[in-house]
């Protein structure tokens, strides 16, 4: 269960990386709205509470302004200490810092964990941005 929450958190966070999408909704595997990202990068949970923000340079902060990490332009994901904790590839594959497959984001926005289970969707959002949900626990 903890790994599933980590995966879900990472995908959602990556979705936050896009500030070109206005109020993009994120849904869990059952189709329930679990949050959105606003055009300024503010991340809101399914109840509308501010839970974080993604900045233009890829920095991710939680709702209290604490640094959670960063997604670099090549897809490398770093924690708040700068350690490599994973990578999002152009084909949507998401790997942890050890190179293990932890999920994939498909062209239609479907997000699946490393076992192929549907864990959510981020339709219309760049795959690399949607994959932050796997790494940062903003949900």
C-alpha atoms as a PDB file:
ATOM      1  CA  UNK A   1       0.000   0.000   0.000  1.00  0.00           C
ATOM      2  CA  UNK A   2       2.815   2.420   0.883  1.00  0.00           C
ATOM      3  CA  UNK A   3       4.483   1.823  -2.502  1.00  0.00           C
ATOM      4  CA  UNK A   4       1.176   2.490  -4.261  1.00  0.00           C
ATOM      5  CA  UNK A   5       0.841   5.796  -2.382  1.00  0.00           C
ATOM      6  CA  UNK A   6       4.400   6.715  -3.337  1.00  0.00           C
ATOM      7  CA  UNK A   7       3.645   5.900  -6.958  1.00  0.00           C
ATOM      8  CA  UNK A   8       0.418   7.877  -6.884  1.00  0.00           C
ATOM      9  CA  UNK A   9       2.180  10.810  -5.245  1.00  0.00           C
ATOM     10  CA  UNK A  10       4.897  10.808  -7.869  1.00  0.00           C
ATOM     11  CA  UNK A  11       2.588  10.799 -10.861  1.00  0.00           C
ATOM     12  CA  UNK A  12       0.502  13.595  -9.440  1.00  0.00           C
ATOM     13  CA  UNK A  13       3.533  15.705  -8.699  1.00  0.00           C
ATOM     14  CA  UNK A  14       4.866  15.399 -12.200  1.00  0.00           C
ATOM     15  CA  UNK A  15       1.527  16.471 -13.481  1.00  0.00           C
ATOM     16  CA  UNK A  16       2.084  19.570 -11.423  1.00  0.00           C
ATOM     17  CA  UNK A  17       5.169  20.479 -13.418  1.00  0.00           C
ATOM     18  CA  UNK A  18       3.111  21.940 -16.242  1.00  0.00           C
ATOM     19  CA  UNK A  19       2.055  25.538 -15.898  1.00  0.00           C
ATOM     20  CA  UNK A  20       0.777  25.607 -19.471  1.00  0.00           C
ATOM     21  CA  UNK A  21      -2.413  23.739 -18.555  1.00  0.00           C
ATOM     22  CA  UNK A  22      -5.144  25.577 -16.687  1.00  0.00           C
ATOM     23  CA  UNK A  23      -7.015  23.668 -13.983  1.00  0.00           C
ATOM     24  CA  UNK A  24      -6.035  20.225 -15.309  1.00  0.00           C
ATOM     25  CA  UNK A  25      -7.930  17.568 -13.355  1.00  0.00           C
ATOM     26  CA  UNK A  26      -6.336  14.397 -12.030  1.00  0.00           C
ATOM     27  CA  UNK A  27      -8.356  11.264 -11.366  1.00  0.00           C
ATOM     28  CA  UNK A  28      -7.667   8.103  -9.408  1.00  0.00           C
ATOM     29  CA  UNK A  29      -8.092   4.594 -10.821  1.00  0.00           C
ATOM     30  CA  UNK A  30     -11.841   4.723 -10.122  1.00  0.00           C
ATOM     31  CA  UNK A  31     -12.351   8.004 -11.982  1.00  0.00           C
ATOM     32  CA  UNK A  32     -12.718  10.175  -8.862  1.00  0.00           C
ATOM     33  CA  UNK A  33     -11.295  13.677  -9.009  1.00  0.00           C
ATOM     34  CA  UNK A  34      -8.241  13.757  -6.711  1.00  0.00           C
ATOM     35  CA  UNK A  35      -6.934  17.206  -7.550  1.00  0.00           C
ATOM     36  CA  UNK A  36      -5.875  19.697 -10.145  1.00  0.00           C
ATOM     37  CA  UNK A  37      -3.082  21.988 -11.175  1.00  0.00           C
ATOM     38  CA  UNK A  38      -3.844  25.601 -11.943  1.00  0.00           C
ATOM     39  CA  UNK A  39      -2.215  27.720 -14.646  1.00  0.00           C
ATOM     40  CA  UNK A  40       0.147  29.365 -12.115  1.00  0.00           C
ATOM     41  CA  UNK A  41       1.425  25.955 -10.946  1.00  0.00           C
ATOM     42  CA  UNK A  42      -0.636  25.806  -7.746  1.00  0.00           C
ATOM     43  CA  UNK A  43      -1.680  22.259  -6.888  1.00  0.00           C
ATOM     44  CA  UNK A  44      -5.024  21.647  -5.207  1.00  0.00           C
ATOM     45  CA  UNK A  45      -6.415  18.438  -3.759  1.00  0.00           C
ATOM     46  CA  UNK A  46      -9.888  17.121  -4.591  1.00  0.00           C
ATOM     47  CA  UNK A  47     -11.400  19.487  -2.006  1.00  0.00           C
ATOM     48  CA  UNK A  48      -9.718  22.591  -3.427  1.00  0.00           C
ATOM     49  CA  UNK A  49      -7.081  22.953  -0.672  1.00  0.00           C
ATOM     50  CA  UNK A  50      -3.669  24.278  -1.681  1.00  0.00           C
ATOM     51  CA  UNK A  51      -1.241  21.354  -1.277  1.00  0.00           C
ATOM     52  CA  UNK A  52       1.762  22.619  -3.230  1.00  0.00           C
ATOM     53  CA  UNK A  53       3.188  24.372  -6.218  1.00  0.00           C
ATOM     54  CA  UNK A  54       5.397  23.573  -9.175  1.00  0.00           C
ATOM     55  CA  UNK A  55       7.619  26.361 -10.443  1.00  0.00           C
ATOM     56  CA  UNK A  56       8.830  27.108 -13.971  1.00  0.00           C
ATOM     57  CA  UNK A  57      12.292  25.649 -13.229  1.00  0.00           C
ATOM     58  CA  UNK A  58      10.752  22.312 -12.117  1.00  0.00           C
ATOM     59  CA  UNK A  59      11.063  22.897  -8.374  1.00  0.00           C
ATOM     60  CA  UNK A  60       8.241  21.317  -6.343  1.00  0.00           C
ATOM     61  CA  UNK A  61       7.165  22.745  -2.978  1.00  0.00           C
ATOM     62  CA  UNK A  62       4.472  21.487  -0.612  1.00  0.00           C
ATOM     63  CA  UNK A  63       1.604  23.634   0.681  1.00  0.00           C
ATOM     64  CA  UNK A  64       3.825  25.029   3.460  1.00  0.00           C
ATOM     65  CA  UNK A  65       6.518  26.110   1.003  1.00  0.00           C
ATOM     66  CA  UNK A  66       8.965  23.311   1.894  1.00  0.00           C
ATOM     67  CA  UNK A  67      11.152  22.090  -0.944  1.00  0.00           C
ATOM     68  CA  UNK A  68      10.110  18.586  -2.063  1.00  0.00           C
ATOM     69  CA  UNK A  69      12.495  18.250  -5.011  1.00  0.00           C
ATOM     70  CA  UNK A  70      12.792  18.960  -8.703  1.00  0.00           C
ATOM     71  CA  UNK A  71      12.174  17.465 -12.106  1.00  0.00           C
ATOM     72  CA  UNK A  72      14.867  18.368 -14.605  1.00  0.00           C
ATOM     73  CA  UNK A  73      14.312  18.985 -18.308  1.00  0.00           C
ATOM     74  CA  UNK A  74      15.779  15.562 -19.214  1.00  0.00           C
ATOM     75  CA  UNK A  75      13.226  13.794 -16.975  1.00  0.00           C
ATOM     76  CA  UNK A  76      15.577  13.160 -14.032  1.00  0.00           C
ATOM     77  CA  UNK A  77      13.801  13.548 -10.701  1.00  0.00           C
ATOM     78  CA  UNK A  78      15.716  14.742  -7.644  1.00  0.00           C
ATOM     79  CA  UNK A  79      14.669  14.881  -4.003  1.00  0.00           C
ATOM     80  CA  UNK A  80      15.093  17.965  -1.810  1.00  0.00           C
ATOM     81  CA  UNK A  81      18.763  17.027  -1.212  1.00  0.00           C
ATOM     82  CA  UNK A  82      19.540  16.747  -4.926  1.00  0.00           C
ATOM     83  CA  UNK A  83      19.723  12.935  -4.961  1.00  0.00           C
ATOM     84  CA  UNK A  84      18.549  11.163  -8.102  1.00  0.00           C
ATOM     85  CA  UNK A  85      15.338   9.360  -7.160  1.00  0.00           C
ATOM     86  CA  UNK A  86      14.055   8.453 -10.605  1.00  0.00           C
ATOM     87  CA  UNK A  87      13.478   9.315 -14.213  1.00  0.00           C
ATOM     88  CA  UNK A  88      10.598   9.768 -16.622  1.00  0.00           C
ATOM     89  CA  UNK A  89      11.336   8.658 -20.180  1.00  0.00           C
ATOM     90  CA  UNK A  90       9.876  10.041 -23.399  1.00  0.00           C
ATOM     91  CA  UNK A  91       7.792   6.883 -23.952  1.00  0.00           C
ATOM     92  CA  UNK A  92       6.102   7.405 -20.549  1.00  0.00           C
ATOM     93  CA  UNK A  93       8.068   4.760 -18.632  1.00  0.00           C
ATOM     94  CA  UNK A  94       8.819   5.773 -15.044  1.00  0.00           C
ATOM     95  CA  UNK A  95      11.795   4.252 -13.191  1.00  0.00           C
ATOM     96  CA  UNK A  96      12.980   4.771  -9.633  1.00  0.00           C
ATOM     97  CA  UNK A  97      16.520   5.813  -8.706  1.00  0.00           C
ATOM     98  CA  UNK A  98      17.687   2.179  -8.960  1.00  0.00           C
ATOM     99  CA  UNK A  99      16.337   1.750 -12.488  1.00  0.00           C
ATOM    100  CA  UNK A 100      13.338  -0.382 -11.459  1.00  0.00           C
ATOM    101  CA  UNK A 101      10.174   0.045 -13.486  1.00  0.00           C
ATOM    102  CA  UNK A 102       7.551   1.651 -11.240  1.00  0.00           C
ATOM    103  CA  UNK A 103       4.968   2.646 -13.811  1.00  0.00           C
ATOM    104  CA  UNK A 104       3.989   4.095 -17.146  1.00  0.00           C
ATOM    105  CA  UNK A 105       1.948   6.983 -18.455  1.00  0.00           C
ATOM    106  CA  UNK A 106       0.186   6.256 -21.731  1.00  0.00           C
ATOM    107  CA  UNK A 107      -0.647   8.610 -24.582  1.00  0.00           C
ATOM    108  CA  UNK A 108      -4.326   8.748 -23.550  1.00  0.00           C
ATOM    109  CA  UNK A 109      -3.343   9.951 -20.044  1.00  0.00           C
ATOM    110  CA  UNK A 110      -3.870   6.600 -18.313  1.00  0.00           C
ATOM    111  CA  UNK A 111      -1.386   6.014 -15.487  1.00  0.00           C
ATOM    112  CA  UNK A 112      -0.450   2.436 -14.516  1.00  0.00           C
ATOM    113  CA  UNK A 113       1.850   1.146 -11.788  1.00  0.00           C
ATOM    114  CA  UNK A 114       4.750  -1.243 -12.392  1.00  0.00           C
ATOM    115  CA  UNK A 115       2.354  -4.209 -12.309  1.00  0.00           C
ATOM    116  CA  UNK A 116       0.076  -2.722 -14.955  1.00  0.00           C
ATOM    117  CA  UNK A 117      -2.725  -1.722 -12.588  1.00  0.00           C
ATOM    118  CA  UNK A 118      -4.647   1.435 -13.456  1.00  0.00           C
ATOM    119  CA  UNK A 119      -3.932   3.972 -10.710  1.00  0.00           C
ATOM    120  CA  UNK A 120      -5.241   7.143 -12.326  1.00  0.00           C
ATOM    121  CA  UNK A 121      -5.305   9.517 -15.246  1.00  0.00           C
ATOM    122  CA  UNK A 122      -3.998  12.897 -16.287  1.00  0.00           C
ATOM    123  CA  UNK A 123      -5.544  13.381 -19.700  1.00  0.00           C
ATOM    124  CA  UNK A 124      -4.029  16.034 -21.929  1.00  0.00           C
ATOM    125  CA  UNK A 125      -0.885  16.517 -19.866  1.00  0.00           C
ATOM    126  CA  UNK A 126       2.708  15.948 -20.933  1.00  0.00           C
ATOM    127  CA  UNK A 127       3.877  12.488 -19.776  1.00  0.00           C
ATOM    128  CA  UNK A 128       6.960  13.786 -17.994  1.00  0.00           C
ATOM    129  CA  UNK A 129       4.838  16.247 -16.089  1.00  0.00           C
ATOM    130  CA  UNK A 130       2.208  13.668 -15.174  1.00  0.00           C
ATOM    131  CA  UNK A 131       4.866  11.287 -13.824  1.00  0.00           C
ATOM    132  CA  UNK A 132       5.872  13.469 -10.861  1.00  0.00           C
ATOM    133  CA  UNK A 133       2.949  11.867  -9.118  1.00  0.00           C
ATOM    134  CA  UNK A 134       5.220   8.853  -8.627  1.00  0.00           C
ATOM    135  CA  UNK A 135       7.834  10.742  -6.615  1.00  0.00           C
ATOM    136  CA  UNK A 136       6.405  13.640  -4.600  1.00  0.00           C
ATOM    137  CA  UNK A 137       3.712  13.012  -2.001  1.00  0.00           C
ATOM    138  CA  UNK A 138       1.402  15.950  -2.475  1.00  0.00           C
ATOM    139  CA  UNK A 139      -1.731  13.802  -2.519  1.00  0.00           C
END
